[in-house]
Amino acid sequence: MHYIGMDIGSTATKVSVVEDEEVVSNFTLPTGWNSVETSKTVKKKLEEIDIDMDKAKVLATGYGRISVPYADKTITEISCHGKGVQYLLGDDSTIVDIGGQDTKIITLENGRVVDFTMNDKCAAGTGKFMELMANTLGVSIDELADMALEGEDISITSMCTVFAESEVISLIGEGKKREDIARGIINSITGRVFSMLHKHGSSDTVYLTGGLCEVDSFIELLSEKLDTEIKTDPLARYAGSIGAALLATGL
C-alpha cells in the first residue's frame, strides 16, 4: 500500500510517497490560487506514476490541508515537520521552518515535538518577504543570497513588508550598492530567526526546513548570524510532506 503526504503551503505544494516505511517519491508544484484545484492536479500526477488512489492512504497538512477532498485525515504542519525531520535527521534538534507566510521554531526531543513558536501575522522574515525583496532588486532568491555574501550590511529597520520594500526602493534611489542592500535584506530575515530562537530556546542542533534549505548562501549567512552550524539537506523542503506520509501509515 502507498501512503501519501501532502503539504499544501501558501506558495508551493510538496508531496511524498511512502511504501514499506520508506520514502519512495517526492515532488513539488506551485499551489496557485486554488488549493482544491491543486489537490486535483496532485491526484492526477500520483495516478500517472501508477499509484492506486482508491487504496492509498492520504494525510494532508499545511496552509491548504482542508482543501483535499480525498484526504483520509488532516493534521497541523507542526507534527508533520517533527516527524519528517526525525526521519531525515534521526536526532533531537531545533527545527527552523521558513515558509512562504510564516516562520516556525519547533523543538524535537526523542522523536516528539515538545514545543513550538510561530511568528506573528506579519510576513517579515518569511520566504514571501525574501521573494518580494528579491523582485524589488530584480534578482532571484538564490542571486539575492549570493549578492549578500559580497555586501556590507545596510540596516533595514521596518518589520512590515510594505514599508521594508519602500526602504529598499529608497536605498536603490540613493545609489547604494545592490550587494549591500541584499546583505541588509538577508540580515533582517536572519535577525528575525535569531530573535525567535532566543525567545524559544534551542538545542545544540539546528535543522533548517523549507525552500531556503537549498540556498547555500542563505544557510551560510544564517549559520553566521546564529553562530552555529545549520544542518539541512535537499529533502528538508519535504519535511512536512514526508512526516505526513509517515503519519498516514498509522491510519
C-alpha atoms as a PDB file:
ATOM      1  CA  MET A   1       0.000   0.000   0.000  1.00  0.00           C
ATOM      2  CA  HIS A   2       1.086   3.551  -0.664  1.00  0.00           C
ATOM      3  CA  TYR A   3       0.894   6.300   1.958  1.00  0.00           C
ATOM      4  CA  ILE A   4       0.692   9.858   0.652  1.00  0.00           C
ATOM      5  CA  GLY A   5       1.683  13.010   2.497  1.00  0.00           C
ATOM      6  CA  MET A   6       0.588  16.346   1.040  1.00  0.00           C
ATOM      7  CA  ASP A   7       1.919  19.618   2.427  1.00  0.00           C
ATOM      8  CA  ILE A   8      -0.064  22.390   0.748  1.00  0.00           C
ATOM      9  CA  GLY A   9       1.787  25.583   1.544  1.00  0.00           C
ATOM     10  CA  SER A  10       0.843  29.120   0.580  1.00  0.00           C
ATOM     11  CA  THR A  11       3.236  29.123  -2.382  1.00  0.00           C
ATOM     12  CA  ALA A  12       4.280  25.510  -3.025  1.00  0.00           C
ATOM     13  CA  THR A  13       2.729  22.087  -2.554  1.00  0.00           C
ATOM     14  CA  LYS A  14       5.033  19.245  -1.559  1.00  0.00           C
ATOM     15  CA  VAL A  15       4.050  15.605  -1.963  1.00  0.00           C
ATOM     16  CA  SER A  16       5.777  12.499  -0.610  1.00  0.00           C
ATOM     17  CA  VAL A  17       5.007   8.816  -1.088  1.00  0.00           C
ATOM     18  CA  VAL A  18       5.908   6.136   1.471  1.00  0.00           C
ATOM     19  CA  GLU A  19       5.912   2.411   0.791  1.00  0.00           C
ATOM     20  CA  ASP A  20       7.136  -0.221   3.273  1.00  0.00           C
ATOM     21  CA  GLU A  21       8.076   2.615   5.682  1.00  0.00           C
ATOM     22  CA  GLU A  22      10.499   4.117   3.157  1.00  0.00           C
ATOM     23  CA  VAL A  23      10.111   7.342   1.165  1.00  0.00           C
ATOM     24  CA  VAL A  24       9.965   6.298  -2.492  1.00  0.00           C
ATOM     25  CA  SER A  25       8.939   9.528  -4.238  1.00  0.00           C
ATOM     26  CA  ASN A  26       8.803  13.293  -3.707  1.00  0.00           C
ATOM     27  CA  PHE A  27       7.639  16.101  -5.956  1.00  0.00           C
ATOM     28  CA  THR A  28       6.583  19.729  -5.705  1.00  0.00           C
ATOM     29  CA  LEU A  29       4.397  22.097  -7.696  1.00  0.00           C
ATOM     30  CA  PRO A  30       3.047  25.632  -7.288  1.00  0.00           C
ATOM     31  CA  THR A  31      -0.010  25.869  -5.043  1.00  0.00           C
ATOM     32  CA  GLY A  32      -1.592  28.539  -7.223  1.00  0.00           C
ATOM     33  CA  TRP A  33      -4.675  30.489  -6.229  1.00  0.00           C
ATOM     34  CA  ASN A  34      -6.955  27.479  -5.604  1.00  0.00           C
ATOM     35  CA  SER A  35      -5.832  24.686  -3.263  1.00  0.00           C
ATOM     36  CA  VAL A  36      -8.722  22.431  -4.329  1.00  0.00           C
ATOM     37  CA  GLU A  37      -7.559  22.567  -7.952  1.00  0.00           C
ATOM     38  CA  THR A  38      -4.007  21.951  -6.782  1.00  0.00           C
ATOM     39  CA  SER A  39      -5.125  18.813  -4.931  1.00  0.00           C
ATOM     40  CA  LYS A  40      -6.776  17.561  -8.126  1.00  0.00           C
ATOM     41  CA  THR A  41      -3.531  18.110 -10.028  1.00  0.00           C
ATOM     42  CA  VAL A  42      -1.639  16.189  -7.335  1.00  0.00           C
ATOM     43  CA  LYS A  43      -4.052  13.258  -7.579  1.00  0.00           C
ATOM     44  CA  LYS A  44      -3.643  13.135 -11.360  1.00  0.00           C
ATOM     45  CA  LYS A  45       0.147  13.205 -11.063  1.00  0.00           C
ATOM     46  CA  LEU A  46       0.096  10.401  -8.492  1.00  0.00           C
ATOM     47  CA  GLU A  47      -2.076   8.274 -10.758  1.00  0.00           C
ATOM     48  CA  GLU A  48       0.376   8.903 -13.601  1.00  0.00           C
ATOM     49  CA  ILE A  49       3.114   7.232 -11.549  1.00  0.00           C
ATOM     50  CA  ASP A  50       0.886   4.166 -11.063  1.00  0.00           C
ATOM     51  CA  ILE A  51      -0.401   4.829  -7.558  1.00  0.00           C
ATOM     52  CA  ASP A  52      -3.872   3.390  -6.926  1.00  0.00           C
ATOM     53  CA  MET A  53      -5.536   6.281  -5.148  1.00  0.00           C
ATOM     54  CA  ASP A  54      -8.529   4.111  -4.188  1.00  0.00           C
ATOM     55  CA  LYS A  55      -6.250   2.009  -1.988  1.00  0.00           C
ATOM     56  CA  ALA A  56      -3.746   4.647  -0.854  1.00  0.00           C
ATOM     57  CA  LYS A  57      -3.973   6.429   2.489  1.00  0.00           C
ATOM     58  CA  VAL A  58      -3.669  10.222   2.247  1.00  0.00           C
ATOM     59  CA  LEU A  59      -2.813  12.666   5.023  1.00  0.00           C
ATOM     60  CA  ALA A  60      -2.867  16.391   4.259  1.00  0.00           C
ATOM     61  CA  THR A  61      -1.120  19.195   6.120  1.00  0.00           C
ATOM     62  CA  GLY A  62      -0.156  22.811   5.605  1.00  0.00           C
ATOM     63  CA  TYR A  63      -1.969  26.007   4.724  1.00  0.00           C
ATOM     64  CA  GLY A  64      -4.440  24.301   2.361  1.00  0.00           C
ATOM     65  CA  ARG A  65      -4.900  20.959   4.119  1.00  0.00           C
ATOM     66  CA  ILE A  66      -8.689  21.315   4.350  1.00  0.00           C
ATOM     67  CA  SER A  67      -8.845  21.615   0.549  1.00  0.00           C
ATOM     68  CA  VAL A  68      -8.027  17.959  -0.202  1.00  0.00           C
ATOM     69  CA  PRO A  69     -11.385  16.196  -0.653  1.00  0.00           C
ATOM     70  CA  TYR A  70      -9.822  12.719  -0.853  1.00  0.00           C
ATOM     71  CA  ALA A  71      -7.640  13.069   2.274  1.00  0.00           C
ATOM     72  CA  ASP A  72      -8.268  10.431   4.942  1.00  0.00           C
ATOM     73  CA  LYS A  73      -7.080  12.849   7.620  1.00  0.00           C
ATOM     74  CA  THR A  74      -5.676  16.346   8.105  1.00  0.00           C
ATOM     75  CA  ILE A  75      -3.135  17.389  10.718  1.00  0.00           C
ATOM     76  CA  THR A  76      -1.131  20.530  11.544  1.00  0.00           C
ATOM     77  CA  GLU A  77       2.270  21.007   9.938  1.00  0.00           C
ATOM     78  CA  ILE A  78       3.971  21.192  13.352  1.00  0.00           C
ATOM     79  CA  SER A  79       3.557  17.450  13.976  1.00  0.00           C
ATOM     80  CA  CYS A  80       4.383  16.626  10.369  1.00  0.00           C
ATOM     81  CA  HIS A  81       7.607  18.636  10.337  1.00  0.00           C
ATOM     82  CA  GLY A  82       8.677  16.993  13.567  1.00  0.00           C
ATOM     83  CA  LYS A  83       8.063  13.510  12.172  1.00  0.00           C
ATOM     84  CA  GLY A  84       9.747  14.361   8.872  1.00  0.00           C
ATOM     85  CA  VAL A  85      12.877  15.792  10.470  1.00  0.00           C
ATOM     86  CA  GLN A  86      13.115  12.831  12.840  1.00  0.00           C
ATOM     87  CA  TYR A  87      13.119  10.566   9.754  1.00  0.00           C
ATOM     88  CA  LEU A  88      15.700  12.674   7.891  1.00  0.00           C
ATOM     89  CA  LEU A  89      17.992  13.521  10.800  1.00  0.00           C
ATOM     90  CA  GLY A  90      17.292  10.797  13.326  1.00  0.00           C
ATOM     91  CA  ASP A  91      18.283  13.033  16.220  1.00  0.00           C
ATOM     92  CA  ASP A  92      16.964  15.686  18.587  1.00  0.00           C
ATOM     93  CA  SER A  93      17.037  19.167  17.102  1.00  0.00           C
ATOM     94  CA  THR A  94      15.566  22.632  16.950  1.00  0.00           C
ATOM     95  CA  ILE A  95      13.768  22.931  13.623  1.00  0.00           C
ATOM     96  CA  VAL A  96      13.654  26.270  11.814  1.00  0.00           C
ATOM     97  CA  ASP A  97      10.999  26.201   9.102  1.00  0.00           C
ATOM     98  CA  ILE A  98      10.943  29.342   6.947  1.00  0.00           C
ATOM     99  CA  GLY A  99       7.749  29.036   4.958  1.00  0.00           C
ATOM    100  CA  GLY A 100       6.043  31.292   2.469  1.00  0.00           C
ATOM    101  CA  GLN A 101       3.828  33.055   5.015  1.00  0.00           C
ATOM    102  CA  ASP A 102       5.255  32.173   8.432  1.00  0.00           C
ATOM    103  CA  THR A 103       8.352  31.021  10.269  1.00  0.00           C
ATOM    104  CA  LYS A 104       8.154  28.214  12.817  1.00  0.00           C
ATOM    105  CA  ILE A 105      10.599  27.104  15.507  1.00  0.00           C
ATOM    106  CA  ILE A 106       9.993  23.521  16.669  1.00  0.00           C
ATOM    107  CA  THR A 107      11.759  21.602  19.433  1.00  0.00           C
ATOM    108  CA  LEU A 108      12.150  17.880  18.785  1.00  0.00           C
ATOM    109  CA  GLU A 109      13.095  15.551  21.660  1.00  0.00           C
ATOM    110  CA  ASN A 110      13.151  11.756  21.463  1.00  0.00           C
ATOM    111  CA  GLY A 111      11.325  11.935  18.146  1.00  0.00           C
ATOM    112  CA  ARG A 112       8.463  14.008  19.577  1.00  0.00           C
ATOM    113  CA  VAL A 113       7.509  17.677  19.276  1.00  0.00           C
ATOM    114  CA  VAL A 114       7.702  19.182  22.762  1.00  0.00           C
ATOM    115  CA  ASP A 115       7.421  22.897  21.969  1.00  0.00           C
ATOM    116  CA  PHE A 116       6.954  25.312  19.073  1.00  0.00           C
ATOM    117  CA  THR A 117       6.855  29.020  18.312  1.00  0.00           C
ATOM    118  CA  MET A 118       5.400  30.802  15.275  1.00  0.00           C
ATOM    119  CA  ASN A 119       5.941  34.368  14.121  1.00  0.00           C
ATOM    120  CA  ASP A 120       3.039  36.800  14.148  1.00  0.00           C
ATOM    121  CA  LYS A 121       0.810  37.503  11.157  1.00  0.00           C
ATOM    122  CA  CYS A 122       3.336  39.856   9.594  1.00  0.00           C
ATOM    123  CA  ALA A 123       5.203  38.253   6.671  1.00  0.00           C
ATOM    124  CA  ALA A 124       8.544  39.824   7.640  1.00  0.00           C
ATOM    125  CA  GLY A 125      11.246  37.185   7.845  1.00  0.00           C
ATOM    126  CA  THR A 126       9.380  34.683   5.686  1.00  0.00           C
ATOM    127  CA  GLY A 127      10.016  33.249   2.244  1.00  0.00           C
ATOM    128  CA  LYS A 128       7.445  35.597   0.731  1.00  0.00           C
ATOM    129  CA  PHE A 129       9.282  38.588   2.238  1.00  0.00           C
ATOM    130  CA  MET A 130      12.542  37.393   0.686  1.00  0.00           C
ATOM    131  CA  GLU A 131      10.840  36.802  -2.663  1.00  0.00           C
ATOM    132  CA  LEU A 132       9.336  40.299  -2.708  1.00  0.00           C
ATOM    133  CA  MET A 133      12.647  41.914  -1.784  1.00  0.00           C
ATOM    134  CA  ALA A 134      14.460  39.909  -4.477  1.00  0.00           C
ATOM    135  CA  ASN A 135      11.884  41.030  -7.045  1.00  0.00           C
ATOM    136  CA  THR A 136      12.429  44.637  -5.987  1.00  0.00           C
ATOM    137  CA  LEU A 137      16.141  44.232  -6.745  1.00  0.00           C
ATOM    138  CA  GLY A 138      15.374  42.394  -9.995  1.00  0.00           C
ATOM    139  CA  VAL A 139      17.081  39.139  -8.978  1.00  0.00           C
ATOM    140  CA  SER A 140      16.156  35.605  -7.917  1.00  0.00           C
ATOM    141  CA  ILE A 141      16.210  34.455  -4.291  1.00  0.00           C
ATOM    142  CA  ASP A 142      19.418  32.496  -4.955  1.00  0.00           C
ATOM    143  CA  GLU A 143      21.041  35.547  -6.556  1.00  0.00           C
ATOM    144  CA  LEU A 144      19.938  37.726  -3.646  1.00  0.00           C
ATOM    145  CA  ALA A 145      21.674  35.420  -1.146  1.00  0.00           C
ATOM    146  CA  ASP A 146      24.809  35.220  -3.324  1.00  0.00           C
ATOM    147  CA  MET A 147      24.942  39.023  -3.566  1.00  0.00           C
ATOM    148  CA  ALA A 148      24.527  39.331   0.201  1.00  0.00           C
ATOM    149  CA  LEU A 149      27.729  37.343   0.744  1.00  0.00           C
ATOM    150  CA  GLU A 150      29.619  40.072  -1.119  1.00  0.00           C
ATOM    151  CA  GLY A 151      27.951  43.038   0.583  1.00  0.00           C
ATOM    152  CA  GLU A 152      28.226  45.059   3.758  1.00  0.00           C
ATOM    153  CA  ASP A 153      25.208  45.428   5.972  1.00  0.00           C
ATOM    154  CA  ILE A 154      22.745  48.260   5.490  1.00  0.00           C
ATOM    155  CA  SER A 155      20.125  48.485   8.221  1.00  0.00           C
ATOM    156  CA  ILE A 156      16.551  47.853   7.115  1.00  0.00           C
ATOM    157  CA  THR A 157      14.535  48.846  10.159  1.00  0.00           C
ATOM    158  CA  SER A 158      10.928  48.167   9.206  1.00  0.00           C
ATOM    159  CA  MET A 159       9.353  44.849  10.195  1.00  0.00           C
ATOM    160  CA  CYS A 160       6.442  45.487   7.819  1.00  0.00           C
ATOM    161  CA  THR A 161       6.894  44.034   4.337  1.00  0.00           C
ATOM    162  CA  VAL A 162       5.334  47.055   2.613  1.00  0.00           C
ATOM    163  CA  PHE A 163       7.465  49.594   4.496  1.00  0.00           C
ATOM    164  CA  ALA A 164      10.593  47.446   4.121  1.00  0.00           C
ATOM    165  CA  GLU A 165      10.026  47.433   0.359  1.00  0.00           C
ATOM    166  CA  SER A 166       9.795  51.231   0.452  1.00  0.00           C
ATOM    167  CA  GLU A 167      13.087  51.340   2.367  1.00  0.00           C
ATOM    168  CA  VAL A 168      14.749  49.156  -0.285  1.00  0.00           C
ATOM    169  CA  ILE A 169      13.412  51.350  -3.090  1.00  0.00           C
ATOM    170  CA  SER A 170      14.760  54.435  -1.298  1.00  0.00           C
ATOM    171  CA  LEU A 171      18.170  52.797  -0.889  1.00  0.00           C
ATOM    172  CA  ILE A 172      18.220  51.978  -4.607  1.00  0.00           C
ATOM    173  CA  GLY A 173      17.362  55.611  -5.346  1.00  0.00           C
ATOM    174  CA  GLU A 174      20.252  56.751  -3.150  1.00  0.00           C
ATOM    175  CA  GLY A 175      22.616  54.705  -5.277  1.00  0.00           C
ATOM    176  CA  LYS A 176      23.531  52.157  -2.615  1.00  0.00           C
ATOM    177  CA  LYS A 177      25.225  49.007  -3.885  1.00  0.00           C
ATOM    178  CA  ARG A 178      22.851  46.124  -4.584  1.00  0.00           C
ATOM    179  CA  GLU A 179      25.177  43.770  -2.689  1.00  0.00           C
ATOM    180  CA  ASP A 180      24.907  45.953   0.421  1.00  0.00           C
ATOM    181  CA  ILE A 181      21.125  46.192   0.130  1.00  0.00           C
ATOM    182  CA  ALA A 182      20.951  42.412  -0.330  1.00  0.00           C
ATOM    183  CA  ARG A 183      23.026  41.953   2.831  1.00  0.00           C
ATOM    184  CA  GLY A 184      20.626  44.193   4.725  1.00  0.00           C
ATOM    185  CA  ILE A 185      17.630  42.189   3.471  1.00  0.00           C
ATOM    186  CA  ILE A 186      19.147  38.847   4.446  1.00  0.00           C
ATOM    187  CA  ASN A 187      20.254  40.188   7.814  1.00  0.00           C
ATOM    188  CA  SER A 188      16.721  41.361   8.549  1.00  0.00           C
ATOM    189  CA  ILE A 189      15.489  37.793   7.918  1.00  0.00           C
ATOM    190  CA  THR A 190      18.252  36.028   9.850  1.00  0.00           C
ATOM    191  CA  GLY A 191      17.865  38.571  12.643  1.00  0.00           C
ATOM    192  CA  ARG A 192      14.197  37.673  12.897  1.00  0.00           C
ATOM    193  CA  VAL A 193      15.090  33.984  13.183  1.00  0.00           C
ATOM    194  CA  PHE A 194      17.760  34.794  15.791  1.00  0.00           C
ATOM    195  CA  SER A 195      15.216  36.704  17.864  1.00  0.00           C
ATOM    196  CA  MET A 196      12.677  33.883  17.671  1.00  0.00           C
ATOM    197  CA  LEU A 197      15.273  31.287  18.659  1.00  0.00           C
ATOM    198  CA  HIS A 198      16.452  33.448  21.571  1.00  0.00           C
ATOM    199  CA  LYS A 199      12.908  33.625  22.950  1.00  0.00           C
ATOM    200  CA  HIS A 200      12.124  29.982  22.184  1.00  0.00           C
ATOM    201  CA  GLY A 201      15.403  28.398  23.261  1.00  0.00           C
ATOM    202  CA  SER A 202      17.322  25.975  21.066  1.00  0.00           C
ATOM    203  CA  SER A 203      19.234  22.728  21.253  1.00  0.00           C
ATOM    204  CA  ASP A 204      22.757  22.129  20.013  1.00  0.00           C
ATOM    205  CA  THR A 205      21.483  21.017  16.601  1.00  0.00           C
ATOM    206  CA  VAL A 206      19.571  23.488  14.425  1.00  0.00           C
ATOM    207  CA  TYR A 207      17.922  21.986  11.345  1.00  0.00           C
ATOM    208  CA  LEU A 208      16.549  24.158   8.521  1.00  0.00           C
ATOM    209  CA  THR A 209      13.484  23.100   6.547  1.00  0.00           C
ATOM    210  CA  GLY A 210      11.531  24.891   3.814  1.00  0.00           C
ATOM    211  CA  GLY A 211      12.564  26.031   0.351  1.00  0.00           C
ATOM    212  CA  LEU A 212      15.565  28.025   1.611  1.00  0.00           C
ATOM    213  CA  CYS A 213      17.270  24.785   2.660  1.00  0.00           C
ATOM    214  CA  GLU A 214      18.506  24.573  -0.942  1.00  0.00           C
ATOM    215  CA  VAL A 215      20.090  28.053  -0.950  1.00  0.00           C
ATOM    216  CA  ASP A 216      23.673  27.514   0.227  1.00  0.00           C
ATOM    217  CA  SER A 217      24.475  31.220   0.551  1.00  0.00           C
ATOM    218  CA  PHE A 218      21.488  31.782   2.828  1.00  0.00           C
ATOM    219  CA  ILE A 219      22.478  28.807   5.005  1.00  0.00           C
ATOM    220  CA  GLU A 220      25.984  30.260   5.322  1.00  0.00           C
ATOM    221  CA  LEU A 221      24.625  33.656   6.377  1.00  0.00           C
ATOM    222  CA  LEU A 222      22.110  32.136   8.808  1.00  0.00           C
ATOM    223  CA  SER A 223      24.873  29.997  10.360  1.00  0.00           C
ATOM    224  CA  GLU A 224      26.968  33.154  10.749  1.00  0.00           C
ATOM    225  CA  LYS A 225      24.105  35.018  12.421  1.00  0.00           C
ATOM    226  CA  LEU A 226      23.263  32.169  14.806  1.00  0.00           C
ATOM    227  CA  ASP A 227      26.932  31.359  15.401  1.00  0.00           C
ATOM    228  CA  THR A 228      26.234  27.668  14.881  1.00  0.00           C
ATOM    229  CA  GLU A 229      26.333  25.180  12.012  1.00  0.00           C
ATOM    230  CA  ILE A 230      22.948  24.783  10.351  1.00  0.00           C
ATOM    231  CA  LYS A 231      22.138  21.211   9.335  1.00  0.00           C
ATOM    232  CA  THR A 232      19.887  20.509   6.358  1.00  0.00           C
ATOM    233  CA  ASP A 233      19.675  18.584   3.102  1.00  0.00           C
ATOM    234  CA  PRO A 234      17.726  18.879  -0.188  1.00  0.00           C
ATOM    235  CA  LEU A 235      14.913  16.669   1.122  1.00  0.00           C
ATOM    236  CA  ALA A 236      14.393  19.045   4.059  1.00  0.00           C
ATOM    237  CA  ARG A 237      11.974  21.061   1.946  1.00  0.00           C
ATOM    238  CA  TYR A 238       9.794  17.914   2.011  1.00  0.00           C
ATOM    239  CA  ALA A 239       9.947  17.516   5.799  1.00  0.00           C
ATOM    240  CA  GLY A 240       6.240  18.312   6.172  1.00  0.00           C
ATOM    241  CA  SER A 241       5.037  16.001   3.405  1.00  0.00           C
ATOM    242  CA  ILE A 242       7.407  13.188   4.446  1.00  0.00           C
ATOM    243  CA  GLY A 243       6.155  13.478   8.008  1.00  0.00           C
ATOM    244  CA  ALA A 244       2.546  13.438   6.796  1.00  0.00           C
ATOM    245  CA  ALA A 245       3.171  10.314   4.693  1.00  0.00           C
ATOM    246  CA  LEU A 246       4.799   8.541   7.640  1.00  0.00           C
ATOM    247  CA  LEU A 247       1.918   9.519   9.925  1.00  0.00           C
ATOM    248  CA  ALA A 248      -0.501   8.186   7.294  1.00  0.00           C
ATOM    249  CA  THR A 249       0.902   4.686   7.900  1.00  0.00           C
ATOM    250  CA  GLY A 250      -0.922   4.759  11.225  1.00  0.00           C
ATOM    251  CA  LEU A 251      -4.342   5.410   9.669  1.00  0.00           C
END
